[in-house]
Amino acid sequence: MSEPHDALPDGGRRARTGVPEVVFAQGKTPERTLALLAELRRLDPDGPALATRCPDEVLDRAPDAFDDVTVDRVGRTVTVGALPPPVGDVVVLTAGTTDVPVAREATATLAALGVGARLVADVGVAGLHRLLSRIEDIGRADVVIAVAGMDGALPGVVAGLVPAPVIGVPTSMGYGVAAGGRAALATMLAACSPGVVVVNIDNGFGAAAHVVKIVHRG
């Protein structure tokens, strides 16, 4: 009999929604995270199982626990099972290199869910020429994920330059008044460029899940 705190893995979520249940490893024991990955793989063998926000012990133990596993130590993700063939073209931008871990969570999620992604780092508005030098290539993407901390201006700038929908991801990077990402979040929500939607602070997974629904429905 299950204890009240036991997880109830949802093996049918992929079929219902297009996005499978994913293990949020933060706050779980490594043993519990690895067991849930194995259970999701069993319940939903049509695609890989994914865990996000994995602590070091999970990242260290996963290669020994599973035969077919992809570990991203920067994005802190573990994917169990073969990656599906990628569909579509998504560009994931970061304003700075400190935003890369959140971006890598997004790219790992996209890979696990069968969407092609390219990471373009360090193209924030403090050096606008770096973004403009890549804008033609970025503009060919189906969707753009723009990850930024500090003032969070990148998504609004990008949305004013490309036809693709833009998903803004505020990060918790920044000094004092950045308030752990709240300033970036407010800037993105208040962006005057149309075509920007915004997910929660540091939520690379949430941005990728939204993109998956756009690409696979298209």
N, C-alpha and C. Protein backbone atom coordinates (compact mmCIF):
# COMPACT_ATOMS: atom_id res chain seq x y z
N MET A 1 0.85 -1.19 0.00
CA MET A 1 0.00 0.00 0.00
C MET A 1 0.88 1.24 0.00
N SER A 2 0.54 2.23 -0.83
CA SER A 2 1.34 3.44 -0.93
C SER A 2 1.20 4.29 0.32
N GLU A 3 2.31 4.91 0.69
CA GLU A 3 2.26 5.90 1.76
C GLU A 3 1.67 7.20 1.20
N PRO A 4 1.12 8.08 2.06
CA PRO A 4 0.52 9.31 1.56
C PRO A 4 1.48 10.19 0.78
N HIS A 5 2.80 10.10 1.10
CA HIS A 5 3.75 10.97 0.43
C HIS A 5 4.34 10.33 -0.82
N ASP A 6 3.98 9.10 -1.13
CA ASP A 6 4.55 8.43 -2.30
C ASP A 6 4.06 9.10 -3.59
N ALA A 7 4.98 9.18 -4.57
CA ALA A 7 4.61 9.73 -5.87
C ALA A 7 3.75 8.72 -6.62
N LEU A 8 2.91 9.24 -7.50
CA LEU A 8 2.06 8.41 -8.36
C LEU A 8 2.42 8.75 -9.80
N PRO A 9 3.45 8.11 -10.37
CA PRO A 9 3.91 8.47 -11.71
C PRO A 9 2.80 8.37 -12.75
N ASP A 10 2.75 9.37 -13.61
CA ASP A 10 1.69 9.50 -14.62
C ASP A 10 2.25 9.06 -15.97
N GLY A 11 2.13 7.76 -16.24
CA GLY A 11 2.69 7.23 -17.48
C GLY A 11 1.89 7.58 -18.72
N GLY A 12 0.69 8.11 -18.57
CA GLY A 12 -0.13 8.45 -19.72
C GLY A 12 -0.09 9.91 -20.12
N ARG A 13 0.72 10.70 -19.44
CA ARG A 13 0.69 12.14 -19.70
C ARG A 13 1.21 12.50 -21.10
N ARG A 14 2.21 11.76 -21.59
CA ARG A 14 2.73 12.04 -22.93
C ARG A 14 1.62 11.90 -23.98
N ALA A 15 0.84 10.80 -23.86
CA ALA A 15 -0.22 10.55 -24.83
C ALA A 15 -1.32 11.61 -24.73
N ARG A 16 -1.62 12.06 -23.50
CA ARG A 16 -2.70 13.04 -23.32
C ARG A 16 -2.31 14.44 -23.75
N THR A 17 -1.07 14.84 -23.42
CA THR A 17 -0.71 16.26 -23.54
C THR A 17 0.44 16.54 -24.49
N GLY A 18 1.18 15.51 -24.88
CA GLY A 18 2.36 15.73 -25.71
C GLY A 18 3.63 15.96 -24.93
N VAL A 19 3.51 16.14 -23.62
CA VAL A 19 4.67 16.34 -22.75
C VAL A 19 4.58 15.35 -21.60
N PRO A 20 5.55 14.46 -21.44
CA PRO A 20 5.46 13.44 -20.39
C PRO A 20 5.69 14.03 -19.01
N GLU A 21 5.34 13.25 -18.00
CA GLU A 21 5.73 13.64 -16.64
C GLU A 21 7.25 13.61 -16.54
N VAL A 22 7.79 14.59 -15.84
CA VAL A 22 9.23 14.72 -15.65
C VAL A 22 9.52 14.75 -14.16
N VAL A 23 10.61 14.12 -13.75
CA VAL A 23 10.98 14.08 -12.33
C VAL A 23 11.68 15.38 -11.95
N PHE A 24 11.13 16.10 -11.01
CA PHE A 24 11.78 17.28 -10.43
C PHE A 24 12.59 16.78 -9.24
N ALA A 25 13.91 16.68 -9.44
CA ALA A 25 14.74 15.98 -8.46
C ALA A 25 15.07 16.79 -7.22
N GLN A 26 14.96 18.09 -7.31
CA GLN A 26 15.28 18.94 -6.16
C GLN A 26 14.39 18.58 -4.98
N GLY A 27 15.01 18.31 -3.84
CA GLY A 27 14.26 17.96 -2.64
C GLY A 27 13.98 16.48 -2.49
N LYS A 28 14.29 15.69 -3.51
CA LYS A 28 14.11 14.23 -3.42
C LYS A 28 15.44 13.58 -3.09
N THR A 29 15.40 12.42 -2.47
CA THR A 29 16.63 11.67 -2.28
C THR A 29 17.10 11.13 -3.63
N PRO A 30 18.39 10.91 -3.79
CA PRO A 30 18.87 10.33 -5.05
C PRO A 30 18.21 9.00 -5.36
N GLU A 31 18.00 8.18 -4.33
CA GLU A 31 17.37 6.88 -4.54
C GLU A 31 15.96 7.05 -5.11
N ARG A 32 15.23 8.02 -4.58
CA ARG A 32 13.86 8.24 -5.05
C ARG A 32 13.85 8.74 -6.48
N THR A 33 14.75 9.64 -6.81
CA THR A 33 14.82 10.16 -8.17
C THR A 33 15.14 9.05 -9.17
N LEU A 34 16.12 8.22 -8.86
CA LEU A 34 16.49 7.14 -9.77
C LEU A 34 15.37 6.11 -9.90
N ALA A 35 14.67 5.85 -8.80
CA ALA A 35 13.56 4.90 -8.85
C ALA A 35 12.41 5.46 -9.70
N LEU A 36 12.14 6.74 -9.58
CA LEU A 36 11.07 7.35 -10.38
C LEU A 36 11.43 7.37 -11.87
N LEU A 37 12.68 7.61 -12.18
CA LEU A 37 13.11 7.54 -13.58
C LEU A 37 12.87 6.14 -14.14
N ALA A 38 13.24 5.13 -13.38
CA ALA A 38 13.03 3.76 -13.83
C ALA A 38 11.55 3.45 -14.00
N GLU A 39 10.73 3.93 -13.07
CA GLU A 39 9.30 3.67 -13.14
C GLU A 39 8.65 4.38 -14.33
N LEU A 40 9.03 5.63 -14.57
CA LEU A 40 8.48 6.35 -15.72
C LEU A 40 8.91 5.69 -17.03
N ARG A 41 10.12 5.20 -17.06
CA ARG A 41 10.59 4.50 -18.27
C ARG A 41 9.76 3.24 -18.50
N ARG A 42 9.41 2.55 -17.43
CA ARG A 42 8.61 1.34 -17.55
C ARG A 42 7.18 1.66 -17.99
N LEU A 43 6.60 2.69 -17.38
CA LEU A 43 5.21 3.04 -17.67
C LEU A 43 5.03 3.68 -19.05
N ASP A 44 6.08 4.36 -19.53
CA ASP A 44 5.98 5.11 -20.78
C ASP A 44 7.19 4.81 -21.65
N PRO A 45 7.25 3.62 -22.24
CA PRO A 45 8.43 3.21 -22.99
C PRO A 45 8.54 3.87 -24.37
N ASP A 46 7.55 4.66 -24.77
CA ASP A 46 7.59 5.29 -26.08
C ASP A 46 8.58 6.45 -26.17
N GLY A 47 9.09 6.90 -25.05
CA GLY A 47 10.06 7.99 -25.07
C GLY A 47 10.92 7.94 -23.84
N PRO A 48 12.00 8.73 -23.81
CA PRO A 48 12.89 8.71 -22.66
C PRO A 48 12.25 9.35 -21.43
N ALA A 49 12.78 9.00 -20.28
CA ALA A 49 12.38 9.62 -19.01
C ALA A 49 13.39 10.71 -18.68
N LEU A 50 12.91 11.79 -18.11
CA LEU A 50 13.76 12.96 -17.84
C LEU A 50 13.63 13.39 -16.39
N ALA A 51 14.76 13.76 -15.79
CA ALA A 51 14.78 14.38 -14.47
C ALA A 51 15.51 15.70 -14.56
N THR A 52 14.96 16.73 -13.91
CA THR A 52 15.59 18.05 -13.89
C THR A 52 16.01 18.40 -12.46
N ARG A 53 16.83 19.46 -12.36
CA ARG A 53 17.34 19.94 -11.07
C ARG A 53 17.98 18.81 -10.26
N CYS A 54 18.80 18.04 -10.92
CA CYS A 54 19.42 16.88 -10.27
C CYS A 54 20.63 17.29 -9.44
N PRO A 55 20.72 16.82 -8.20
CA PRO A 55 21.92 17.07 -7.40
C PRO A 55 23.09 16.23 -7.92
N ASP A 56 24.28 16.55 -7.42
CA ASP A 56 25.48 15.87 -7.92
C ASP A 56 25.41 14.36 -7.77
N GLU A 57 24.84 13.87 -6.67
CA GLU A 57 24.82 12.42 -6.46
C GLU A 57 24.00 11.70 -7.53
N VAL A 58 22.90 12.32 -7.96
CA VAL A 58 22.11 11.71 -9.04
C VAL A 58 22.90 11.75 -10.34
N LEU A 59 23.54 12.86 -10.63
CA LEU A 59 24.34 12.97 -11.85
C LEU A 59 25.48 11.94 -11.85
N ASP A 60 26.04 11.69 -10.67
CA ASP A 60 27.14 10.73 -10.56
C ASP A 60 26.65 9.28 -10.70
N ARG A 61 25.50 8.98 -10.14
CA ARG A 61 25.04 7.59 -10.07
C ARG A 61 24.25 7.14 -11.30
N ALA A 62 23.69 8.06 -12.03
CA ALA A 62 22.81 7.69 -13.15
C ALA A 62 23.49 6.82 -14.20
N PRO A 63 24.75 7.10 -14.60
CA PRO A 63 25.36 6.24 -15.62
C PRO A 63 25.50 4.78 -15.20
N ASP A 64 25.64 4.52 -13.91
CA ASP A 64 25.73 3.14 -13.43
C ASP A 64 24.35 2.52 -13.23
N ALA A 65 23.33 3.36 -13.07
CA ALA A 65 21.99 2.85 -12.78
C ALA A 65 21.22 2.46 -14.04
N PHE A 66 21.61 3.04 -15.20
CA PHE A 66 20.86 2.81 -16.44
C PHE A 66 21.82 2.52 -17.59
N ASP A 67 21.33 1.73 -18.54
CA ASP A 67 22.16 1.37 -19.70
C ASP A 67 22.27 2.50 -20.72
N ASP A 68 21.17 3.21 -20.95
CA ASP A 68 21.13 4.24 -21.99
C ASP A 68 20.75 5.55 -21.32
N VAL A 69 21.74 6.35 -20.99
CA VAL A 69 21.50 7.55 -20.20
C VAL A 69 22.33 8.72 -20.72
N THR A 70 21.74 9.90 -20.68
CA THR A 70 22.43 11.14 -21.04
C THR A 70 22.41 12.06 -19.83
N VAL A 71 23.59 12.47 -19.39
CA VAL A 71 23.72 13.33 -18.22
C VAL A 71 24.25 14.69 -18.67
N ASP A 72 23.56 15.75 -18.31
CA ASP A 72 24.03 17.11 -18.58
C ASP A 72 24.35 17.77 -17.24
N ARG A 73 25.63 17.85 -16.93
CA ARG A 73 26.03 18.38 -15.63
C ARG A 73 25.83 19.89 -15.53
N VAL A 74 25.86 20.57 -16.65
CA VAL A 74 25.63 22.02 -16.63
C VAL A 74 24.15 22.31 -16.43
N GLY A 75 23.31 21.65 -17.20
CA GLY A 75 21.87 21.83 -17.08
C GLY A 75 21.25 21.05 -15.94
N ARG A 76 22.04 20.15 -15.34
CA ARG A 76 21.61 19.33 -14.19
C ARG A 76 20.40 18.46 -14.54
N THR A 77 20.48 17.81 -15.70
CA THR A 77 19.42 16.91 -16.15
C THR A 77 19.96 15.51 -16.37
N VAL A 78 19.06 14.53 -16.24
CA VAL A 78 19.36 13.14 -16.57
C VAL A 78 18.24 12.64 -17.48
N THR A 79 18.62 12.08 -18.62
CA THR A 79 17.66 11.53 -19.56
C THR A 79 17.94 10.04 -19.72
N VAL A 80 16.92 9.21 -19.51
CA VAL A 80 17.07 7.76 -19.60
C VAL A 80 16.29 7.25 -20.80
N GLY A 81 17.02 6.61 -21.72
CA GLY A 81 16.40 6.12 -22.95
C GLY A 81 16.95 6.86 -24.16
N ALA A 82 16.77 6.25 -25.32
CA ALA A 82 17.28 6.84 -26.55
C ALA A 82 16.54 8.14 -26.87
N LEU A 83 17.29 9.14 -27.32
CA LEU A 83 16.68 10.41 -27.72
C LEU A 83 15.94 10.24 -29.03
N PRO A 84 14.74 10.77 -29.15
CA PRO A 84 13.98 10.64 -30.40
C PRO A 84 14.58 11.51 -31.49
N PRO A 85 14.31 11.20 -32.76
CA PRO A 85 14.80 12.05 -33.84
C PRO A 85 14.26 13.47 -33.68
N PRO A 86 15.10 14.49 -33.84
CA PRO A 86 14.63 15.86 -33.62
C PRO A 86 13.78 16.39 -34.77
N VAL A 87 12.76 17.14 -34.41
CA VAL A 87 11.88 17.80 -35.36
C VAL A 87 11.93 19.29 -35.07
N GLY A 88 11.92 20.11 -36.13
CA GLY A 88 11.88 21.54 -35.95
C GLY A 88 13.24 22.15 -35.66
N ASP A 89 13.24 23.47 -35.53
CA ASP A 89 14.48 24.21 -35.29
C ASP A 89 14.19 25.30 -34.26
N VAL A 90 14.70 25.12 -33.07
CA VAL A 90 14.53 26.09 -31.98
C VAL A 90 15.89 26.66 -31.63
N VAL A 91 15.96 27.97 -31.49
CA VAL A 91 17.19 28.63 -31.05
C VAL A 91 17.01 29.05 -29.60
N VAL A 92 17.96 28.66 -28.77
CA VAL A 92 17.96 29.05 -27.35
C VAL A 92 19.08 30.06 -27.16
N LEU A 93 18.71 31.28 -26.81
CA LEU A 93 19.67 32.35 -26.62
C LEU A 93 19.91 32.59 -25.14
N THR A 94 21.13 32.99 -24.80
CA THR A 94 21.36 33.49 -23.44
C THR A 94 21.96 34.88 -23.53
N ALA A 95 21.57 35.72 -22.56
CA ALA A 95 22.15 37.06 -22.50
C ALA A 95 23.62 36.99 -22.09
N GLY A 96 23.94 36.12 -21.12
CA GLY A 96 25.32 35.96 -20.66
C GLY A 96 25.63 34.50 -20.43
N THR A 97 26.88 34.23 -20.14
CA THR A 97 27.28 32.83 -19.91
C THR A 97 26.76 32.32 -18.57
N THR A 98 26.46 33.21 -17.62
CA THR A 98 25.91 32.75 -16.35
C THR A 98 24.49 32.23 -16.51
N ASP A 99 23.85 32.54 -17.62
CA ASP A 99 22.49 32.05 -17.89
C ASP A 99 22.49 30.67 -18.57
N VAL A 100 23.67 30.16 -18.91
CA VAL A 100 23.75 28.91 -19.67
C VAL A 100 23.14 27.71 -18.94
N PRO A 101 23.31 27.54 -17.62
CA PRO A 101 22.68 26.36 -16.98
C PRO A 101 21.17 26.29 -17.20
N VAL A 102 20.49 27.42 -17.14
CA VAL A 102 19.04 27.41 -17.39
C VAL A 102 18.76 27.07 -18.85
N ALA A 103 19.58 27.62 -19.74
CA ALA A 103 19.41 27.31 -21.17
C ALA A 103 19.66 25.84 -21.45
N ARG A 104 20.64 25.26 -20.77
CA ARG A 104 20.94 23.84 -20.99
C ARG A 104 19.83 22.95 -20.45
N GLU A 105 19.14 23.38 -19.39
CA GLU A 105 17.96 22.63 -18.96
C GLU A 105 16.93 22.62 -20.08
N ALA A 106 16.78 23.76 -20.76
CA ALA A 106 15.83 23.84 -21.87
C ALA A 106 16.25 22.96 -23.03
N THR A 107 17.53 23.00 -23.42
CA THR A 107 17.96 22.20 -24.58
C THR A 107 17.90 20.71 -24.28
N ALA A 108 18.20 20.31 -23.04
CA ALA A 108 18.10 18.90 -22.67
C ALA A 108 16.64 18.44 -22.73
N THR A 109 15.73 19.28 -22.28
CA THR A 109 14.31 18.95 -22.34
C THR A 109 13.84 18.83 -23.78
N LEU A 110 14.25 19.76 -24.62
CA LEU A 110 13.88 19.71 -26.04
C LEU A 110 14.41 18.43 -26.69
N ALA A 111 15.65 18.07 -26.39
CA ALA A 111 16.22 16.85 -26.97
C ALA A 111 15.44 15.62 -26.52
N ALA A 112 15.09 15.58 -25.24
CA ALA A 112 14.35 14.42 -24.71
C ALA A 112 12.96 14.31 -25.33
N LEU A 113 12.39 15.44 -25.75
CA LEU A 113 11.03 15.45 -26.29
C LEU A 113 11.01 15.57 -27.81
N GLY A 114 12.16 15.39 -28.45
CA GLY A 114 12.18 15.27 -29.90
C GLY A 114 12.10 16.57 -30.68
N VAL A 115 12.69 17.62 -30.13
CA VAL A 115 12.73 18.90 -30.84
C VAL A 115 14.18 19.32 -31.02
N GLY A 116 14.53 19.73 -32.24
CA GLY A 116 15.88 20.17 -32.52
C GLY A 116 16.16 21.55 -31.96
N ALA A 117 17.31 21.73 -31.33
CA ALA A 117 17.62 23.01 -30.69
C ALA A 117 19.08 23.38 -30.89
N ARG A 118 19.31 24.68 -31.00
CA ARG A 118 20.67 25.23 -31.09
C ARG A 118 20.84 26.25 -29.98
N LEU A 119 21.96 26.20 -29.29
CA LEU A 119 22.25 27.14 -28.21
C LEU A 119 23.20 28.22 -28.70
N VAL A 120 22.79 29.47 -28.55
CA VAL A 120 23.62 30.63 -28.90
C VAL A 120 23.78 31.44 -27.62
N ALA A 121 24.98 31.44 -27.05
CA ALA A 121 25.21 32.05 -25.74
C ALA A 121 25.86 33.42 -25.86
N ASP A 122 25.63 34.22 -24.82
CA ASP A 122 26.34 35.49 -24.62
C ASP A 122 26.01 36.53 -25.71
N VAL A 123 24.73 36.70 -25.98
CA VAL A 123 24.30 37.69 -26.98
C VAL A 123 23.35 38.70 -26.35
N GLY A 124 23.63 39.10 -25.12
CA GLY A 124 22.78 40.05 -24.42
C GLY A 124 22.91 41.46 -24.94
N VAL A 125 22.03 42.34 -24.46
CA VAL A 125 21.95 43.69 -25.00
C VAL A 125 23.13 44.57 -24.61
N ALA A 126 23.93 44.15 -23.63
CA ALA A 126 25.11 44.94 -23.28
C ALA A 126 26.12 44.98 -24.42
N GLY A 127 26.06 43.98 -25.30
CA GLY A 127 26.89 43.97 -26.52
C GLY A 127 25.99 43.66 -27.69
N LEU A 128 25.15 44.60 -28.05
CA LEU A 128 24.08 44.34 -29.01
C LEU A 128 24.59 43.87 -30.36
N HIS A 129 25.82 44.27 -30.70
CA HIS A 129 26.39 43.85 -31.99
C HIS A 129 26.50 42.33 -32.08
N ARG A 130 26.68 41.66 -30.94
CA ARG A 130 26.82 40.19 -30.96
C ARG A 130 25.50 39.55 -31.36
N LEU A 131 24.41 40.10 -30.87
CA LEU A 131 23.09 39.60 -31.26
C LEU A 131 22.80 39.91 -32.72
N LEU A 132 23.07 41.13 -33.13
CA LEU A 132 22.75 41.55 -34.50
C LEU A 132 23.55 40.77 -35.53
N SER A 133 24.76 40.34 -35.17
CA SER A 133 25.57 39.56 -36.11
C SER A 133 25.00 38.19 -36.37
N ARG A 134 24.08 37.72 -35.50
CA ARG A 134 23.48 36.39 -35.65
C ARG A 134 21.99 36.44 -35.99
N ILE A 135 21.46 37.65 -36.13
CA ILE A 135 20.00 37.78 -36.17
C ILE A 135 19.38 37.14 -37.40
N GLU A 136 20.06 37.12 -38.51
CA GLU A 136 19.49 36.48 -39.70
C GLU A 136 19.31 34.99 -39.48
N ASP A 137 20.30 34.37 -38.89
CA ASP A 137 20.22 32.94 -38.59
C ASP A 137 19.15 32.68 -37.53
N ILE A 138 19.11 33.49 -36.49
CA ILE A 138 18.11 33.33 -35.44
C ILE A 138 16.70 33.48 -36.01
N GLY A 139 16.53 34.39 -36.95
CA GLY A 139 15.22 34.66 -37.52
C GLY A 139 14.63 33.51 -38.30
N ARG A 140 15.45 32.52 -38.66
CA ARG A 140 14.93 31.35 -39.40
C ARG A 140 14.35 30.28 -38.48
N ALA A 141 14.50 30.45 -37.18
CA ALA A 141 14.03 29.44 -36.22
C ALA A 141 12.51 29.40 -36.17
N ASP A 142 11.99 28.24 -35.78
CA ASP A 142 10.55 28.11 -35.57
C ASP A 142 10.10 28.83 -34.30
N VAL A 143 10.91 28.74 -33.27
CA VAL A 143 10.65 29.40 -31.98
C VAL A 143 11.99 29.81 -31.40
N VAL A 144 12.00 30.90 -30.65
CA VAL A 144 13.20 31.35 -29.95
C VAL A 144 12.92 31.34 -28.45
N ILE A 145 13.83 30.73 -27.69
CA ILE A 145 13.82 30.85 -26.24
C ILE A 145 14.93 31.82 -25.87
N ALA A 146 14.58 32.89 -25.15
CA ALA A 146 15.57 33.90 -24.77
C ALA A 146 15.71 33.90 -23.25
N VAL A 147 16.90 33.57 -22.78
CA VAL A 147 17.17 33.39 -21.36
C VAL A 147 18.04 34.55 -20.88
N ALA A 148 17.57 35.28 -19.86
CA ALA A 148 18.32 36.46 -19.42
C ALA A 148 18.03 36.78 -17.97
N GLY A 149 19.08 37.23 -17.26
CA GLY A 149 18.92 37.76 -15.92
C GLY A 149 19.12 39.26 -15.95
N MET A 150 19.69 39.80 -14.90
CA MET A 150 19.92 41.25 -14.80
C MET A 150 18.65 42.03 -15.13
N ASP A 151 18.66 42.83 -16.23
CA ASP A 151 17.48 43.62 -16.58
C ASP A 151 16.49 42.84 -17.43
N GLY A 152 16.87 41.68 -17.96
CA GLY A 152 15.94 40.83 -18.69
C GLY A 152 15.44 41.41 -20.00
N ALA A 153 16.26 42.22 -20.66
CA ALA A 153 15.79 42.93 -21.86
C ALA A 153 15.83 42.09 -23.13
N LEU A 154 16.56 41.00 -23.13
CA LEU A 154 16.81 40.26 -24.36
C LEU A 154 15.55 39.79 -25.09
N PRO A 155 14.56 39.18 -24.44
CA PRO A 155 13.40 38.70 -25.20
C PRO A 155 12.67 39.79 -25.96
N GLY A 156 12.48 40.95 -25.34
CA GLY A 156 11.79 42.04 -26.01
C GLY A 156 12.53 42.55 -27.22
N VAL A 157 13.86 42.62 -27.12
CA VAL A 157 14.66 43.05 -28.26
C VAL A 157 14.55 42.03 -29.40
N VAL A 158 14.69 40.75 -29.06
CA VAL A 158 14.63 39.71 -30.09
C VAL A 158 13.26 39.69 -30.76
N ALA A 159 12.19 39.82 -29.98
CA ALA A 159 10.85 39.78 -30.55
C ALA A 159 10.59 40.93 -31.52
N GLY A 160 11.34 42.02 -31.36
CA GLY A 160 11.21 43.14 -32.28
C GLY A 160 12.02 42.97 -33.56
N LEU A 161 12.75 41.84 -33.67
CA LEU A 161 13.63 41.64 -34.82
C LEU A 161 13.34 40.39 -35.63
N VAL A 162 12.60 39.43 -35.07
CA VAL A 162 12.39 38.15 -35.75
C VAL A 162 10.90 37.82 -35.81
N PRO A 163 10.48 37.01 -36.81
CA PRO A 163 9.07 36.64 -36.91
C PRO A 163 8.64 35.51 -35.97
N ALA A 164 9.58 34.76 -35.44
CA ALA A 164 9.25 33.60 -34.61
C ALA A 164 8.69 34.04 -33.26
N PRO A 165 7.81 33.22 -32.66
CA PRO A 165 7.40 33.50 -31.28
C PRO A 165 8.60 33.39 -30.35
N VAL A 166 8.60 34.20 -29.30
CA VAL A 166 9.72 34.26 -28.36
C VAL A 166 9.22 33.89 -26.97
N ILE A 167 9.92 32.94 -26.35
CA ILE A 167 9.64 32.54 -24.97
C ILE A 167 10.72 33.15 -24.09
N GLY A 168 10.33 34.02 -23.17
CA GLY A 168 11.29 34.64 -22.27
C GLY A 168 11.46 33.83 -21.01
N VAL A 169 12.72 33.63 -20.61
CA VAL A 169 13.02 32.92 -19.36
C VAL A 169 13.88 33.83 -18.49
N PRO A 170 13.30 34.45 -17.47
CA PRO A 170 14.13 35.25 -16.56
C PRO A 170 14.97 34.33 -15.67
N THR A 171 16.20 34.75 -15.41
CA THR A 171 17.04 33.97 -14.50
C THR A 171 17.31 34.77 -13.24
N SER A 172 17.77 34.07 -12.22
CA SER A 172 18.00 34.70 -10.91
C SER A 172 19.35 35.39 -10.83
N MET A 173 20.04 35.55 -11.95
CA MET A 173 21.35 36.19 -11.95
C MET A 173 21.21 37.72 -11.89
N GLY A 174 22.04 38.34 -11.09
CA GLY A 174 22.05 39.79 -11.03
C GLY A 174 22.35 40.31 -9.64
N TYR A 175 22.78 41.56 -9.57
CA TYR A 175 23.07 42.20 -8.29
C TYR A 175 21.79 42.62 -7.58
N GLY A 176 21.93 43.08 -6.36
CA GLY A 176 20.88 43.51 -5.44
C GLY A 176 19.48 43.72 -5.97
N VAL A 177 19.25 44.82 -6.70
CA VAL A 177 17.88 45.14 -7.11
C VAL A 177 17.34 44.19 -8.16
N ALA A 178 18.20 43.32 -8.71
CA ALA A 178 17.68 42.28 -9.61
C ALA A 178 16.76 41.32 -8.87
N ALA A 179 16.90 41.29 -7.54
CA ALA A 179 15.95 40.61 -6.65
C ALA A 179 15.72 39.16 -7.03
N GLY A 180 16.80 38.45 -7.31
CA GLY A 180 16.68 37.03 -7.59
C GLY A 180 15.90 36.70 -8.84
N GLY A 181 15.89 37.61 -9.81
CA GLY A 181 15.19 37.37 -11.07
C GLY A 181 13.88 38.11 -11.20
N ARG A 182 13.43 38.75 -10.14
CA ARG A 182 12.13 39.43 -10.21
C ARG A 182 12.18 40.65 -11.14
N ALA A 183 13.31 41.34 -11.17
CA ALA A 183 13.43 42.49 -12.08
C ALA A 183 13.38 42.03 -13.53
N ALA A 184 14.09 40.94 -13.84
CA ALA A 184 14.07 40.40 -15.20
C ALA A 184 12.67 39.92 -15.57
N LEU A 185 12.00 39.27 -14.63
CA LEU A 185 10.64 38.81 -14.87
C LEU A 185 9.72 39.98 -15.18
N ALA A 186 9.80 41.06 -14.40
CA ALA A 186 8.95 42.22 -14.62
C ALA A 186 9.23 42.86 -15.98
N THR A 187 10.50 42.96 -16.35
CA THR A 187 10.85 43.54 -17.65
C THR A 187 10.25 42.72 -18.78
N MET A 188 10.39 41.40 -18.70
CA MET A 188 9.86 40.54 -19.77
C MET A 188 8.34 40.63 -19.85
N LEU A 189 7.68 40.67 -18.70
CA LEU A 189 6.22 40.77 -18.70
C LEU A 189 5.75 42.10 -19.26
N ALA A 190 6.57 43.13 -19.08
CA ALA A 190 6.21 44.47 -19.54
C ALA A 190 6.76 44.80 -20.93
N ALA A 191 7.35 43.82 -21.61
CA ALA A 191 7.95 44.08 -22.92
C ALA A 191 6.92 44.65 -23.88
N CYS A 192 7.34 45.67 -24.64
CA CYS A 192 6.41 46.29 -25.58
C CYS A 192 6.40 45.58 -26.93
N SER A 193 7.37 44.75 -27.21
CA SER A 193 7.38 44.00 -28.47
C SER A 193 6.35 42.89 -28.39
N PRO A 194 5.43 42.80 -29.35
CA PRO A 194 4.44 41.72 -29.32
C PRO A 194 5.10 40.38 -29.65
N GLY A 195 4.50 39.32 -29.15
CA GLY A 195 5.00 37.99 -29.47
C GLY A 195 5.89 37.38 -28.42
N VAL A 196 5.93 37.99 -27.22
CA VAL A 196 6.73 37.45 -26.12
C VAL A 196 5.79 36.83 -25.08
N VAL A 197 6.05 35.58 -24.72
CA VAL A 197 5.42 34.98 -23.55
C VAL A 197 6.52 34.64 -22.56
N VAL A 198 6.19 34.58 -21.29
CA VAL A 198 7.21 34.49 -20.24
C VAL A 198 6.87 33.35 -19.28
N VAL A 199 7.89 32.58 -18.91
CA VAL A 199 7.74 31.53 -17.91
C VAL A 199 8.37 31.99 -16.61
N ASN A 200 8.33 31.14 -15.62
CA ASN A 200 8.82 31.49 -14.29
C ASN A 200 10.34 31.59 -14.25
N ILE A 201 10.84 32.18 -13.18
CA ILE A 201 12.28 32.41 -13.01
C ILE A 201 13.04 31.08 -13.02
N ASP A 202 14.08 31.02 -13.86
CA ASP A 202 14.96 29.85 -13.98
C ASP A 202 14.27 28.61 -14.55
N ASN A 203 13.11 28.78 -15.14
CA ASN A 203 12.32 27.61 -15.58
C ASN A 203 12.62 27.26 -17.04
N GLY A 204 13.81 26.76 -17.29
CA GLY A 204 14.15 26.31 -18.63
C GLY A 204 13.27 25.16 -19.09
N PHE A 205 12.91 24.28 -18.16
CA PHE A 205 12.02 23.17 -18.52
C PHE A 205 10.67 23.68 -19.00
N GLY A 206 10.09 24.63 -18.28
CA GLY A 206 8.77 25.14 -18.66
C GLY A 206 8.77 25.78 -20.03
N ALA A 207 9.84 26.51 -20.35
CA ALA A 207 9.94 27.12 -21.68
C ALA A 207 10.00 26.04 -22.75
N ALA A 208 10.80 25.01 -22.51
CA ALA A 208 10.94 23.94 -23.50
C ALA A 208 9.63 23.18 -23.68
N ALA A 209 8.92 22.93 -22.60
CA ALA A 209 7.65 22.21 -22.70
C ALA A 209 6.65 22.99 -23.55
N HIS A 210 6.63 24.30 -23.41
CA HIS A 210 5.74 25.13 -24.22
C HIS A 210 6.14 25.06 -25.69
N VAL A 211 7.43 25.12 -25.93
CA VAL A 211 7.93 25.06 -27.31
C VAL A 211 7.58 23.72 -27.96
N VAL A 212 7.69 22.64 -27.21
CA VAL A 212 7.36 21.31 -27.74
C VAL A 212 5.93 21.28 -28.26
N LYS A 213 5.03 21.88 -27.51
CA LYS A 213 3.63 21.90 -27.96
C LYS A 213 3.45 22.71 -29.23
N ILE A 214 4.21 23.80 -29.37
CA ILE A 214 4.14 24.61 -30.59
C ILE A 214 4.68 23.83 -31.78
N VAL A 215 5.85 23.25 -31.63
CA VAL A 215 6.52 22.58 -32.76
C VAL A 215 5.76 21.33 -33.18
N HIS A 216 5.38 20.51 -32.22
CA HIS A 216 4.71 19.26 -32.58
C HIS A 216 3.30 19.46 -33.10
N ARG A 217 2.63 20.53 -32.69
CA ARG A 217 1.31 20.83 -33.23
C ARG A 217 1.40 21.40 -34.63
N GLY A 218 2.54 22.06 -34.92
CA GLY A 218 2.71 22.65 -36.25
C GLY A 218 2.92 21.61 -37.31
